[in-house]
N, C-alpha and C. Protein backbone atom coordinates (compact mmCIF):
# COMPACT_ATOMS: atom_id res chain seq x y z
N MET A 1 -11.21 54.96 21.40
CA MET A 1 -12.15 53.78 21.78
C MET A 1 -12.06 52.84 20.98
N LYS A 2 -11.57 51.67 21.32
CA LYS A 2 -11.36 50.51 20.74
C LYS A 2 -12.38 50.11 19.47
N SER A 3 -12.37 49.80 18.40
CA SER A 3 -13.04 49.23 17.66
C SER A 3 -13.55 47.43 18.22
N PHE A 4 -14.78 47.44 17.36
CA PHE A 4 -15.33 45.66 17.74
C PHE A 4 -13.80 44.82 17.94
N PHE A 5 -13.20 45.04 16.56
CA PHE A 5 -12.15 43.67 16.35
C PHE A 5 -10.75 43.99 17.22
N GLN A 6 -10.60 44.69 18.05
CA GLN A 6 -9.82 45.06 19.08
C GLN A 6 -10.37 44.46 20.18
N THR A 7 -11.09 44.24 20.48
CA THR A 7 -12.08 43.90 21.97
C THR A 7 -11.53 41.93 21.82
N ASN A 8 -11.39 41.64 22.92
CA ASN A 8 -11.35 40.10 23.17
C ASN A 8 -12.10 39.34 22.15
N LEU A 9 -13.40 40.26 22.09
CA LEU A 9 -14.49 39.52 21.54
C LEU A 9 -14.97 39.39 20.14
N GLY A 10 -14.31 40.46 19.94
CA GLY A 10 -13.81 40.95 18.35
C GLY A 10 -13.22 39.81 17.98
N GLN A 11 -11.79 39.47 18.34
CA GLN A 11 -10.57 38.86 17.66
C GLN A 11 -10.83 37.37 17.71
N ALA A 12 -11.98 37.21 19.02
CA ALA A 12 -12.04 35.69 18.71
C ALA A 12 -13.14 35.60 17.68
N TRP A 13 -13.84 36.10 17.06
CA TRP A 13 -14.99 36.13 15.79
C TRP A 13 -14.05 36.28 14.84
N LEU A 14 -13.07 37.37 14.78
CA LEU A 14 -12.19 37.45 13.71
C LEU A 14 -11.64 35.74 13.43
N VAL A 15 -10.84 35.27 14.51
CA VAL A 15 -10.15 34.03 14.75
C VAL A 15 -11.27 33.15 13.98
N LEU A 16 -12.53 32.79 14.49
CA LEU A 16 -13.54 31.88 14.38
C LEU A 16 -13.71 32.06 12.64
N LEU A 17 -13.59 33.29 11.98
CA LEU A 17 -14.02 33.76 10.58
C LEU A 17 -12.92 33.44 9.42
N LEU A 18 -12.03 33.36 10.18
CA LEU A 18 -10.57 33.20 9.55
C LEU A 18 -10.77 31.52 9.47
N ALA A 19 -10.74 30.91 10.03
CA ALA A 19 -10.63 29.23 10.14
C ALA A 19 -11.76 28.61 9.38
N LEU A 20 -13.06 29.69 9.46
CA LEU A 20 -13.89 28.95 8.49
C LEU A 20 -13.80 29.40 7.07
N ILE A 21 -13.29 30.37 6.71
CA ILE A 21 -12.77 30.60 5.42
C ILE A 21 -11.94 30.06 4.91
N PHE A 22 -10.71 29.81 5.62
CA PHE A 22 -9.56 28.59 5.19
C PHE A 22 -10.01 27.47 5.34
N GLY A 23 -10.87 26.78 6.36
CA GLY A 23 -11.48 25.52 6.45
C GLY A 23 -11.97 25.20 5.24
N SER A 24 -12.73 26.25 4.61
CA SER A 24 -13.69 26.09 3.70
C SER A 24 -13.31 25.79 2.39
N SER A 25 -12.07 26.80 2.51
CA SER A 25 -11.37 26.58 0.84
C SER A 25 -10.43 25.52 1.10
N LEU A 26 -9.70 25.04 2.17
CA LEU A 26 -9.36 23.87 2.01
C LEU A 26 -10.23 22.48 2.04
N ALA A 27 -11.10 22.82 1.94
CA ALA A 27 -12.55 21.26 1.86
C ALA A 27 -12.67 21.80 -0.01
N GLY A 28 -12.93 23.25 -0.75
CA GLY A 28 -13.35 22.80 -1.54
C GLY A 28 -11.81 22.20 -2.55
N VAL A 29 -10.44 22.89 -2.35
CA VAL A 29 -9.54 22.18 -3.30
C VAL A 29 -9.60 20.94 -2.72
N GLN A 30 -9.95 20.19 -1.79
CA GLN A 30 -9.71 18.95 -1.83
C GLN A 30 -10.91 18.17 -2.48
N ALA A 31 -12.26 18.87 -2.52
CA ALA A 31 -13.33 18.27 -3.21
C ALA A 31 -12.90 18.32 -4.71
N ALA A 32 -12.41 19.42 -5.29
CA ALA A 32 -11.98 19.82 -6.62
C ALA A 32 -10.90 18.47 -7.11
N LEU A 33 -10.03 18.45 -6.53
CA LEU A 33 -8.66 17.46 -6.28
C LEU A 33 -8.86 16.21 -5.98
N GLY A 34 -9.71 15.85 -5.69
CA GLY A 34 -9.76 14.74 -4.52
C GLY A 34 -9.98 13.68 -5.63
N PRO A 35 -11.16 13.38 -6.44
CA PRO A 35 -10.81 12.36 -7.35
C PRO A 35 -9.93 12.29 -8.41
N ARG A 36 -9.29 13.43 -8.81
CA ARG A 36 -8.22 13.45 -9.75
C ARG A 36 -6.93 13.12 -9.05
N ILE A 37 -6.91 13.18 -7.69
CA ILE A 37 -5.76 12.41 -6.63
C ILE A 37 -6.09 10.45 -6.71
N GLU A 38 -7.40 10.41 -6.83
CA GLU A 38 -7.86 9.25 -6.64
C GLU A 38 -7.76 8.43 -8.21
N ASP A 39 -7.91 9.20 -9.12
CA ASP A 39 -7.53 8.34 -10.09
C ASP A 39 -6.24 8.21 -10.64
N ASN A 40 -5.15 8.95 -10.25
CA ASN A 40 -3.91 8.89 -10.37
C ASN A 40 -3.60 7.74 -9.69
N LYS A 41 -4.08 7.95 -8.48
CA LYS A 41 -3.38 6.44 -7.64
C LYS A 41 -3.88 5.35 -8.14
N LEU A 42 -5.36 5.20 -9.05
CA LEU A 42 -5.69 3.63 -9.40
C LEU A 42 -4.40 3.31 -10.85
N LYS A 43 -4.37 4.90 -11.45
CA LYS A 43 -3.81 4.47 -12.63
C LYS A 43 -2.36 3.73 -12.23
N GLU A 44 -1.51 4.75 -10.96
CA GLU A 44 -0.32 3.91 -10.76
C GLU A 44 -0.46 2.62 -10.08
N THR A 45 -1.55 2.40 -9.24
CA THR A 45 -1.65 1.28 -8.88
C THR A 45 -1.53 -0.05 -9.59
N LEU A 46 -2.81 0.27 -10.88
CA LEU A 46 -2.59 -0.75 -12.18
C LEU A 46 -1.17 -0.95 -13.19
N GLU A 47 -0.18 0.30 -13.05
CA GLU A 47 1.09 0.46 -13.58
C GLU A 47 1.79 -0.52 -12.89
N LYS A 48 1.70 -0.84 -11.35
CA LYS A 48 2.74 -1.65 -10.80
C LYS A 48 2.59 -2.73 -10.20
N VAL A 49 1.01 -3.46 -10.72
CA VAL A 49 0.79 -4.76 -10.43
C VAL A 49 1.55 -5.41 -10.93
N PRO A 50 1.88 -5.56 -12.52
CA PRO A 50 2.61 -6.41 -12.97
C PRO A 50 4.44 -6.54 -12.20
N VAL A 51 4.16 -5.42 -12.09
CA VAL A 51 5.90 -4.31 -11.60
C VAL A 51 6.04 -5.73 -10.52
N VAL A 52 5.18 -5.31 -9.36
CA VAL A 52 5.55 -5.95 -7.70
C VAL A 52 4.81 -7.66 -7.90
N ILE A 53 4.32 -8.50 -9.13
CA ILE A 53 4.54 -9.39 -9.28
C ILE A 53 5.56 -10.10 -10.20
N LEU A 54 5.94 -9.97 -11.35
CA LEU A 54 6.86 -10.36 -12.41
C LEU A 54 8.03 -9.72 -12.02
N GLY A 55 8.43 -8.77 -10.77
CA GLY A 55 9.76 -7.48 -11.20
C GLY A 55 9.69 -6.70 -12.65
N GLN A 56 10.23 -5.63 -12.57
CA GLN A 56 10.38 -5.33 -14.16
C GLN A 56 10.85 -5.25 -15.44
N THR A 57 11.73 -5.91 -15.65
CA THR A 57 12.15 -6.92 -16.47
C THR A 57 10.85 -7.51 -16.85
N ALA A 58 10.72 -8.55 -16.56
CA ALA A 58 9.71 -9.35 -16.64
C ALA A 58 8.48 -8.69 -17.24
N ALA A 59 7.85 -7.75 -16.59
CA ALA A 59 6.72 -7.38 -16.90
C ALA A 59 7.05 -5.97 -18.20
N ASP A 60 8.74 -5.64 -18.53
CA ASP A 60 8.42 -4.80 -19.53
C ASP A 60 8.05 -5.95 -20.87
N ASP A 61 8.94 -7.47 -20.62
CA ASP A 61 8.88 -7.93 -21.86
C ASP A 61 7.32 -8.36 -21.83
N LEU A 62 6.47 -8.58 -20.98
CA LEU A 62 5.29 -9.19 -21.79
C LEU A 62 4.43 -8.08 -22.15
N ALA A 63 5.01 -6.97 -21.55
CA ALA A 63 4.20 -5.80 -22.69
C ALA A 63 4.55 -5.39 -23.73
N ALA A 64 6.29 -5.23 -24.29
CA ALA A 64 6.75 -5.18 -25.40
C ALA A 64 6.30 -6.88 -26.36
N LYS A 65 5.89 -7.67 -26.00
CA LYS A 65 5.45 -8.78 -26.90
C LYS A 65 3.37 -8.32 -27.00
N GLY A 66 3.03 -7.62 -26.55
CA GLY A 66 1.54 -6.76 -27.00
C GLY A 66 1.05 -8.04 -25.92
N GLU A 67 1.46 -8.87 -25.13
CA GLU A 67 1.10 -9.65 -23.85
C GLU A 67 0.89 -9.42 -22.44
N PRO A 68 0.40 -8.09 -21.92
CA PRO A 68 -0.06 -7.72 -21.16
C PRO A 68 -0.92 -8.49 -19.89
N LEU A 69 -0.30 -8.66 -18.55
CA LEU A 69 -1.37 -9.19 -17.69
C LEU A 69 -2.49 -8.73 -17.52
N THR A 70 -3.66 -9.64 -17.59
CA THR A 70 -5.31 -8.93 -17.62
C THR A 70 -5.13 -8.18 -15.56
N ILE A 71 -5.64 -7.66 -15.41
CA ILE A 71 -5.86 -7.04 -14.38
C ILE A 71 -7.34 -7.30 -13.61
N THR A 72 -7.77 -8.24 -12.49
CA THR A 72 -9.48 -7.70 -11.80
C THR A 72 -9.28 -7.53 -10.52
N PRO A 73 -9.86 -6.28 -10.30
CA PRO A 73 -9.67 -6.21 -8.77
C PRO A 73 -11.00 -6.93 -8.32
N ASN A 74 -10.27 -7.13 -6.60
CA ASN A 74 -11.84 -7.96 -5.86
C ASN A 74 -11.53 -7.25 -4.19
N THR A 75 -13.18 -6.61 -4.12
CA THR A 75 -13.06 -6.12 -2.86
C THR A 75 -13.20 -7.48 -2.08
N VAL A 76 -12.34 -7.58 -1.00
CA VAL A 76 -12.51 -8.47 0.08
C VAL A 76 -12.35 -7.95 1.37
N SER A 77 -13.77 -8.62 2.08
CA SER A 77 -13.70 -8.14 3.52
C SER A 77 -13.59 -8.80 4.70
N ILE A 78 -12.54 -8.40 5.56
CA ILE A 78 -11.86 -9.27 6.78
C ILE A 78 -12.76 -9.06 8.03
N ASP A 79 -13.65 -9.73 8.93
CA ASP A 79 -13.81 -9.38 9.55
C ASP A 79 -13.06 -9.94 11.08
N LYS A 80 -12.54 -8.99 11.80
CA LYS A 80 -11.99 -9.85 13.00
C LYS A 80 -11.92 -8.82 14.50
N ASN A 81 -12.16 -9.58 15.26
CA ASN A 81 -12.83 -8.58 16.55
C ASN A 81 -13.83 -8.17 16.67
N GLY A 82 -14.67 -8.08 15.69
CA GLY A 82 -16.14 -7.53 15.67
C GLY A 82 -15.60 -6.18 14.55
N ILE A 83 -14.60 -6.20 14.02
CA ILE A 83 -14.18 -5.34 12.73
C ILE A 83 -14.57 -5.66 11.60
N THR A 84 -15.00 -4.91 10.60
CA THR A 84 -15.03 -5.04 9.44
C THR A 84 -13.79 -4.81 8.46
N LYS A 85 -12.82 -5.01 7.91
CA LYS A 85 -11.45 -4.31 7.38
C LYS A 85 -12.08 -4.62 5.47
N PHE A 86 -11.66 -3.86 4.95
CA PHE A 86 -11.98 -3.96 3.34
C PHE A 86 -10.57 -3.69 2.33
N TYR A 87 -10.23 -4.59 1.78
CA TYR A 87 -8.53 -4.38 1.19
C TYR A 87 -9.51 -4.45 -0.52
N THR A 88 -8.30 -4.19 -1.50
CA THR A 88 -8.57 -4.70 -2.87
C THR A 88 -7.34 -5.01 -3.32
N LEU A 89 -7.68 -6.28 -3.42
CA LEU A 89 -6.95 -7.57 -3.91
C LEU A 89 -7.14 -7.36 -5.55
N TYR A 90 -5.68 -7.64 -6.25
CA TYR A 90 -6.16 -7.19 -7.56
C TYR A 90 -5.14 -8.99 -7.93
N ARG A 91 -6.06 -9.44 -9.00
CA ARG A 91 -5.80 -10.77 -9.77
C ARG A 91 -4.98 -10.25 -10.86
N ALA A 92 -4.10 -10.75 -11.32
CA ALA A 92 -3.37 -10.56 -12.54
C ALA A 92 -2.93 -11.75 -13.18
N ASP A 93 -3.61 -12.35 -14.52
CA ASP A 93 -3.67 -13.12 -15.57
C ASP A 93 -2.92 -13.33 -16.67
N TYR A 94 -2.06 -14.03 -16.84
CA TYR A 94 -0.93 -14.02 -18.20
C TYR A 94 -2.47 -14.23 -19.30
N ALA A 95 -2.35 -13.83 -20.49
CA ALA A 95 -3.20 -14.08 -21.68
C ALA A 95 -4.02 -15.51 -21.50
N ASP A 96 -3.08 -16.53 -21.25
CA ASP A 96 -3.73 -18.03 -21.55
C ASP A 96 -4.36 -18.16 -20.06
N GLY A 97 -4.87 -17.08 -19.40
CA GLY A 97 -5.75 -17.27 -18.50
C GLY A 97 -5.33 -17.66 -17.36
N THR A 98 -3.71 -18.09 -16.89
CA THR A 98 -3.39 -18.87 -15.92
C THR A 98 -3.13 -17.57 -14.75
N THR A 99 -3.14 -18.01 -13.53
CA THR A 99 -2.43 -16.77 -12.98
C THR A 99 -1.46 -16.49 -12.83
N ALA A 100 -0.68 -15.38 -12.44
CA ALA A 100 0.55 -15.06 -12.52
C ALA A 100 0.57 -14.52 -10.95
N GLY A 101 -0.57 -13.96 -10.71
CA GLY A 101 -0.42 -13.20 -8.65
C GLY A 101 -0.97 -12.32 -8.65
N TRP A 102 -1.32 -11.77 -7.50
CA TRP A 102 -2.31 -11.17 -6.41
C TRP A 102 -1.25 -10.13 -5.89
N VAL A 103 -2.15 -9.08 -5.84
CA VAL A 103 -1.55 -7.80 -4.93
C VAL A 103 -2.39 -7.24 -4.38
N ALA A 104 -1.91 -7.07 -3.41
CA ALA A 104 -3.23 -6.67 -2.06
C ALA A 104 -2.88 -5.18 -1.85
N LYS A 105 -3.67 -4.30 -1.86
CA LYS A 105 -3.23 -2.75 -1.57
C LYS A 105 -3.76 -3.17 -0.04
N SER A 106 -2.99 -1.94 0.90
CA SER A 106 -2.78 -2.00 2.52
C SER A 106 -2.36 -0.56 2.87
N SER A 107 -3.40 -0.40 3.85
CA SER A 107 -2.60 0.84 4.72
C SER A 107 -2.73 1.10 5.91
N GLY A 108 -1.66 2.22 6.30
CA GLY A 108 -2.17 2.06 8.52
C GLY A 108 -1.07 3.13 8.28
N GLN A 109 -0.68 3.06 9.82
CA GLN A 109 -0.10 4.23 10.53
C GLN A 109 1.09 4.20 10.31
N GLY A 110 2.01 4.68 10.10
CA GLY A 110 3.72 5.15 9.74
C GLY A 110 3.73 5.87 11.08
N TYR A 111 5.32 6.14 10.88
CA TYR A 111 6.02 7.28 11.92
C TYR A 111 5.14 8.57 11.98
N ALA A 112 5.10 8.76 10.70
CA ALA A 112 4.53 10.68 10.91
C ALA A 112 2.93 10.55 10.15
N ASP A 113 2.60 9.60 9.69
CA ASP A 113 1.78 9.80 9.17
C ASP A 113 1.14 8.55 8.22
N LYS A 114 0.36 8.26 7.20
CA LYS A 114 -0.19 7.07 6.92
C LYS A 114 0.44 6.75 5.91
N ILE A 115 0.65 5.20 5.73
CA ILE A 115 1.77 4.71 4.68
C ILE A 115 0.78 3.95 3.53
N GLU A 116 0.76 3.90 2.62
CA GLU A 116 -0.36 3.25 1.75
C GLU A 116 1.05 2.12 0.84
N LEU A 117 0.81 1.17 0.56
CA LEU A 117 1.69 -0.10 0.13
C LEU A 117 0.86 -1.27 -0.61
N LEU A 118 1.76 -1.55 -1.60
CA LEU A 118 1.50 -2.77 -2.42
C LEU A 118 2.03 -4.07 -2.32
N VAL A 119 1.56 -5.13 -1.90
CA VAL A 119 2.50 -6.09 -1.81
C VAL A 119 1.59 -7.17 -2.73
N GLY A 120 2.68 -8.18 -3.39
CA GLY A 120 2.62 -8.94 -4.38
C GLY A 120 2.97 -10.29 -3.57
N MET A 121 2.15 -11.17 -4.25
CA MET A 121 2.09 -12.62 -3.67
C MET A 121 1.57 -13.53 -5.38
N ASP A 122 2.36 -14.46 -5.35
CA ASP A 122 2.44 -15.60 -6.52
C ASP A 122 0.89 -15.87 -6.40
N GLY A 123 1.18 -17.06 -7.52
CA GLY A 123 -0.49 -17.55 -7.75
C GLY A 123 -1.11 -18.50 -6.63
N ASN A 124 -0.35 -18.79 -5.57
CA ASN A 124 -0.40 -19.86 -4.58
C ASN A 124 -0.66 -19.15 -3.47
N ALA A 125 -0.06 -17.54 -3.76
CA ALA A 125 -0.04 -16.95 -2.36
C ALA A 125 0.92 -17.38 -1.43
N GLN A 126 1.83 -18.22 -1.58
CA GLN A 126 2.85 -18.56 -0.76
C GLN A 126 4.14 -17.95 -0.92
N LYS A 127 4.36 -17.33 -1.22
CA LYS A 127 5.43 -16.48 -1.30
C LYS A 127 5.16 -15.03 -1.66
N VAL A 128 5.93 -13.98 -1.33
CA VAL A 128 6.07 -12.36 -1.55
C VAL A 128 6.76 -12.62 -2.84
N THR A 129 6.12 -11.47 -3.83
CA THR A 129 6.97 -11.44 -5.36
C THR A 129 7.41 -10.14 -5.14
N GLY A 130 7.12 -9.01 -4.14
CA GLY A 130 7.53 -7.97 -4.37
C GLY A 130 6.86 -6.74 -3.50
N LEU A 131 7.15 -5.71 -3.24
CA LEU A 131 6.70 -4.73 -2.59
C LEU A 131 6.85 -3.22 -3.39
N PHE A 132 6.24 -2.29 -2.91
CA PHE A 132 5.71 -1.10 -3.58
C PHE A 132 5.32 -0.11 -2.42
N ILE A 133 5.71 1.05 -2.43
CA ILE A 133 5.26 2.12 -1.23
C ILE A 133 4.24 3.28 -2.15
N LEU A 134 3.01 3.09 -2.38
CA LEU A 134 2.51 4.26 -2.95
C LEU A 134 2.18 5.34 -2.56
N ASP A 135 2.37 5.32 -0.93
CA ASP A 135 2.58 6.72 -0.44
C ASP A 135 3.13 6.63 0.72
N GLN A 136 3.61 8.07 0.87
CA GLN A 136 4.24 7.43 2.81
C GLN A 136 4.80 9.20 3.04
N LYS A 137 4.82 9.63 3.68
CA LYS A 137 4.85 11.05 4.38
C LYS A 137 5.92 10.78 5.72
N GLU A 138 6.98 9.56 5.56
CA GLU A 138 7.58 8.90 6.27
C GLU A 138 9.15 10.82 6.59
N THR A 139 10.03 10.43 7.38
CA THR A 139 10.71 11.50 7.75
C THR A 139 12.04 11.57 6.79
N PRO A 140 12.16 12.50 6.25
CA PRO A 140 13.25 12.30 4.89
C PRO A 140 15.07 12.12 5.14
N GLY A 141 15.17 11.21 4.44
CA GLY A 141 16.67 10.82 4.74
C GLY A 141 16.66 9.60 5.53
N LEU A 142 15.46 9.26 6.61
CA LEU A 142 15.26 8.25 7.25
C LEU A 142 14.35 7.07 6.43
N GLY A 143 12.86 7.90 7.68
CA GLY A 143 11.95 6.78 7.27
C GLY A 143 11.26 6.74 5.72
N ASN A 144 12.01 7.97 5.29
CA ASN A 144 11.36 7.08 3.65
C ASN A 144 11.88 6.60 2.93
N ARG A 145 13.01 6.07 3.79
CA ARG A 145 14.26 5.41 2.63
C ARG A 145 13.41 3.40 2.58
N ILE A 146 11.83 3.50 3.10
CA ILE A 146 11.26 2.70 3.04
C ILE A 146 10.79 2.49 1.37
N VAL A 147 10.92 3.53 0.49
CA VAL A 147 10.76 3.31 -0.96
C VAL A 147 11.94 2.86 -1.66
N GLU A 148 13.33 2.91 -1.11
CA GLU A 148 14.26 2.66 -1.92
C GLU A 148 14.24 0.63 -1.96
N ASP A 149 14.86 0.49 -2.98
CA ASP A 149 14.81 -0.67 -3.77
C ASP A 149 15.46 -1.90 -2.87
N GLU A 150 16.45 -1.35 -2.59
CA GLU A 150 16.81 -2.39 -1.34
C GLU A 150 16.20 -2.66 0.07
N TRP A 151 15.94 -1.76 0.12
CA TRP A 151 14.96 -2.51 0.99
C TRP A 151 13.38 -3.08 0.86
N ARG A 152 13.22 -2.53 -0.13
CA ARG A 152 11.85 -3.46 -0.58
C ARG A 152 12.15 -4.67 -0.71
N ALA A 153 13.61 -4.82 -1.40
CA ALA A 153 13.57 -6.12 -1.86
C ALA A 153 13.60 -7.32 -1.39
N GLN A 154 13.97 -7.10 0.32
CA GLN A 154 14.27 -7.34 0.97
C GLN A 154 13.06 -8.81 1.26
N PHE A 155 11.71 -8.36 0.83
CA PHE A 155 10.47 -9.31 0.51
C PHE A 155 10.68 -10.10 0.11
N SER A 156 11.24 -10.32 -1.41
CA SER A 156 10.88 -10.66 -2.45
C SER A 156 11.20 -12.34 -2.25
N GLY A 157 10.52 -12.56 -2.31
CA GLY A 157 11.32 -14.52 -2.83
C GLY A 157 10.48 -15.01 -1.41
N LEU A 158 10.51 -14.22 -0.30
CA LEU A 158 10.07 -14.64 0.97
C LEU A 158 8.64 -15.78 1.11
N SER A 159 8.89 -16.99 2.04
CA SER A 159 7.60 -17.53 2.34
C SER A 159 6.26 -16.61 3.10
N THR A 160 5.23 -16.78 2.44
CA THR A 160 4.05 -16.25 3.49
C THR A 160 3.89 -17.47 4.71
N ASP A 161 4.16 -18.03 5.30
CA ASP A 161 3.96 -19.27 6.03
C ASP A 161 4.72 -18.74 7.27
N THR A 162 5.14 -17.64 7.56
CA THR A 162 5.90 -17.32 8.72
C THR A 162 6.01 -15.48 8.67
N PRO A 163 5.72 -15.24 9.72
CA PRO A 163 5.37 -14.04 9.19
C PRO A 163 6.46 -12.76 9.82
N PHE A 164 7.17 -12.00 8.82
CA PHE A 164 8.23 -11.08 8.62
C PHE A 164 8.24 -10.45 10.19
N LYS A 165 9.53 -10.84 10.82
CA LYS A 165 10.22 -9.87 11.61
C LYS A 165 11.22 -8.71 11.23
N VAL A 166 11.03 -7.78 11.70
CA VAL A 166 12.12 -6.46 12.23
C VAL A 166 13.26 -6.92 12.85
N VAL A 167 14.85 -6.95 12.42
CA VAL A 167 15.50 -6.63 13.36
C VAL A 167 16.51 -5.28 13.47
N LYS A 168 17.61 -5.37 14.10
CA LYS A 168 18.20 -3.71 14.08
C LYS A 168 19.36 -4.57 13.38
N ILE A 169 20.07 -5.28 13.56
CA ILE A 169 21.52 -5.56 13.30
C ILE A 169 21.90 -7.12 13.00
N GLY A 170 21.66 -7.19 11.48
CA GLY A 170 22.49 -8.51 10.86
C GLY A 170 20.98 -9.58 10.86
N LYS A 171 20.14 -9.69 9.95
CA LYS A 171 19.14 -10.54 9.80
C LYS A 171 19.86 -11.89 9.90
N GLY A 172 18.85 -13.00 9.85
CA GLY A 172 19.65 -14.36 9.56
C GLY A 172 18.62 -15.47 10.20
N GLY A 173 17.64 -14.78 10.67
CA GLY A 173 16.52 -15.75 10.86
C GLY A 173 15.86 -15.65 10.20
N VAL A 174 14.60 -16.70 9.91
CA VAL A 174 13.41 -17.28 9.17
C VAL A 174 12.85 -15.65 8.90
N ASN A 175 12.49 -15.30 7.77
CA ASN A 175 11.58 -13.91 7.14
C ASN A 175 11.80 -12.80 8.23
N GLU A 176 13.48 -12.66 8.63
CA GLU A 176 13.95 -11.26 9.15
C GLU A 176 14.27 -10.43 7.89
N ILE A 177 13.73 -8.77 8.80
CA ILE A 177 13.96 -7.99 7.47
C ILE A 177 14.72 -7.18 8.25
N ASP A 178 15.92 -6.18 7.73
CA ASP A 178 16.82 -5.35 8.07
C ASP A 178 16.18 -4.14 8.81
N ALA A 179 16.12 -3.73 9.72
CA ALA A 179 15.41 -2.20 9.73
C ALA A 179 16.44 -1.11 9.41
N ILE A 180 15.82 -0.63 8.82
CA ILE A 180 16.66 0.55 8.19
C ILE A 180 17.25 1.55 9.44
N SER A 181 18.52 1.88 9.14
CA SER A 181 18.86 2.56 10.82
C SER A 181 18.48 4.04 10.61
N GLY A 182 17.96 4.14 12.03
CA GLY A 182 17.57 5.23 12.76
C GLY A 182 15.64 5.51 11.99
N ALA A 183 15.18 4.44 11.58
CA ALA A 183 13.51 4.20 11.20
C ALA A 183 13.21 3.33 11.53
N THR A 184 13.11 3.15 12.91
CA THR A 184 12.97 1.06 12.76
C THR A 184 11.46 1.66 12.89
N ILE A 185 10.77 2.43 13.54
CA ILE A 185 9.23 2.23 13.72
C ILE A 185 8.56 2.41 12.42
N SER A 186 9.43 3.43 11.06
CA SER A 186 8.91 3.28 9.31
C SER A 186 8.97 1.79 9.46
N SER A 187 10.26 1.02 9.49
CA SER A 187 10.30 -0.12 8.94
C SER A 187 9.45 -1.32 9.37
N ARG A 188 8.70 -1.17 10.30
CA ARG A 188 7.61 -2.25 11.60
C ARG A 188 7.00 -1.86 11.29
N SER A 189 6.40 -0.38 10.64
CA SER A 189 5.11 -0.37 10.30
C SER A 189 4.89 -0.97 8.94
N VAL A 190 5.91 -0.91 8.08
CA VAL A 190 5.72 -1.59 6.73
C VAL A 190 5.34 -2.92 6.67
N THR A 191 6.50 -3.53 8.05
CA THR A 191 6.45 -5.13 7.87
C THR A 191 5.02 -5.15 8.39
N LYS A 192 4.58 -4.48 9.66
CA LYS A 192 3.11 -5.13 9.98
C LYS A 192 2.16 -5.07 9.27
N LEU A 193 2.01 -3.71 8.19
CA LEU A 193 1.06 -3.61 6.99
C LEU A 193 0.96 -4.76 6.28
N VAL A 194 2.10 -5.80 5.92
CA VAL A 194 2.69 -6.70 5.02
C VAL A 194 2.17 -7.83 5.44
N ASN A 195 2.39 -8.13 7.14
CA ASN A 195 2.18 -9.47 7.35
C ASN A 195 0.52 -9.40 7.97
N GLN A 196 -0.26 -7.96 8.08
CA GLN A 196 -1.75 -7.97 8.07
C GLN A 196 -2.47 -9.08 6.75
N ALA A 197 -1.65 -8.16 5.55
CA ALA A 197 -2.17 -8.12 4.44
C ALA A 197 -2.38 -10.07 4.22
N VAL A 198 -0.60 -10.39 4.20
CA VAL A 198 -0.70 -11.49 4.02
C VAL A 198 -2.00 -12.37 4.60
N SER A 199 -1.59 -12.19 6.21
CA SER A 199 -2.41 -13.02 6.93
C SER A 199 -4.08 -13.25 6.53
N ASP A 200 -4.42 -12.11 6.37
CA ASP A 200 -5.84 -11.62 6.06
C ASP A 200 -6.29 -12.40 4.89
N LEU A 201 -5.42 -11.80 3.90
CA LEU A 201 -5.90 -12.23 2.44
C LEU A 201 -5.50 -13.71 1.36
N LYS A 202 -4.35 -14.43 2.34
CA LYS A 202 -4.03 -15.40 1.99
C LYS A 202 -5.40 -16.53 1.41
N PRO A 203 -5.66 -16.75 2.78
CA PRO A 203 -6.88 -17.64 2.70
C PRO A 203 -8.28 -17.24 1.69
N GLN A 204 -8.22 -15.78 1.78
CA GLN A 204 -8.91 -15.54 0.46
C GLN A 204 -8.56 -15.86 -1.11
N VAL A 205 -7.48 -15.63 -1.32
CA VAL A 205 -7.01 -16.48 -2.38
C VAL A 205 -7.46 -17.64 -3.07
N ALA A 206 -7.22 -18.74 -1.96
CA ALA A 206 -7.93 -19.85 -2.68
C ALA A 206 -9.23 -19.85 -2.75
N GLN A 207 -10.20 -18.93 -1.86
CA GLN A 207 -11.61 -18.97 -2.65
C GLN A 207 -11.69 -18.21 -3.81
N LEU A 208 -10.60 -17.03 -4.52
CA LEU A 208 -11.18 -16.55 -5.26
C LEU A 208 -10.62 -17.40 -6.54
N LYS A 209 -9.56 -18.37 -6.21
CA LYS A 209 -8.98 -18.93 -7.28
C LYS A 209 -10.04 -20.11 -8.18
N THR A 210 -10.89 -20.54 -7.61
CA THR A 210 -12.17 -21.44 -7.57
C THR A 210 -13.19 -20.95 -8.44
N SER A 211 -12.37 -19.17 -9.13
CA SER A 211 -13.74 -18.03 -9.88
C SER A 211 -13.38 -18.81 -11.71
N GLY A 212 -13.30 -19.85 -12.37
CA GLY A 212 -13.28 -20.39 -13.17
C GLY A 212 -12.07 -20.06 -13.93
N LYS A 213 -10.79 -19.69 -13.42
CA LYS A 213 -9.60 -19.97 -13.97
C LYS A 213 -9.08 -21.12 -13.93
N LYS A 214 -8.15 -21.26 -14.70
CA LYS A 214 -7.08 -22.42 -15.33
C LYS A 214 -6.19 -22.68 -14.01
N GLY A 215 -5.58 -22.23 -13.83
CA GLY A 215 -4.91 -22.35 -12.90
C GLY A 215 -3.30 -21.35 -12.44
N GLU A 216 -2.33 -21.89 -12.26
CA GLU A 216 -1.08 -20.91 -12.15
C GLU A 216 0.28 -21.20 -12.28
N LYS A 217 0.77 -20.08 -12.55
CA LYS A 217 2.19 -20.45 -13.19
C LYS A 217 3.44 -19.89 -12.17
């Protein structure tokens, strides 16, 4: 005679029970580690803001002089097509109060999973100053090359007046970005996120600049 768990009904209940146990365990781990993960991300973000705006060498020089940038987070809401999107936009000021630049945190779907990134702009949001990938799970050896300095450096110094465009072979036009070979989707995903952040936040910078600061460098 079959036991209850050897019957179809019993096995179904067993699967549900195991799913409940493992699901609860994962939820518990997420609840326990979630705040710590977010704290670590915030710490990494604040460390990277000066680098994304000034570059590693200049950021290190300022820190060595004991004059690190003052970083102020702003929550910015953008209404588009009936949908409200929220950004965190970091303002970075020199010790004398002038604005060194802005860094926007943005995220969206990549090829494999969500991509989180930081895009820097100068004090007037006229040029991109740098790009840093905070989190990604793209294909190893292909899509995950979006983290490489050489590829990210393509954005630095380009005007924010024209959207960036990914090309597969030999960039040459205005604001064209070379795709990573075999990872066009990842390249386009990052570029789309940069374009969205710049388009959404460039007008906001003009408003935030009037918040009592002296100027820009």
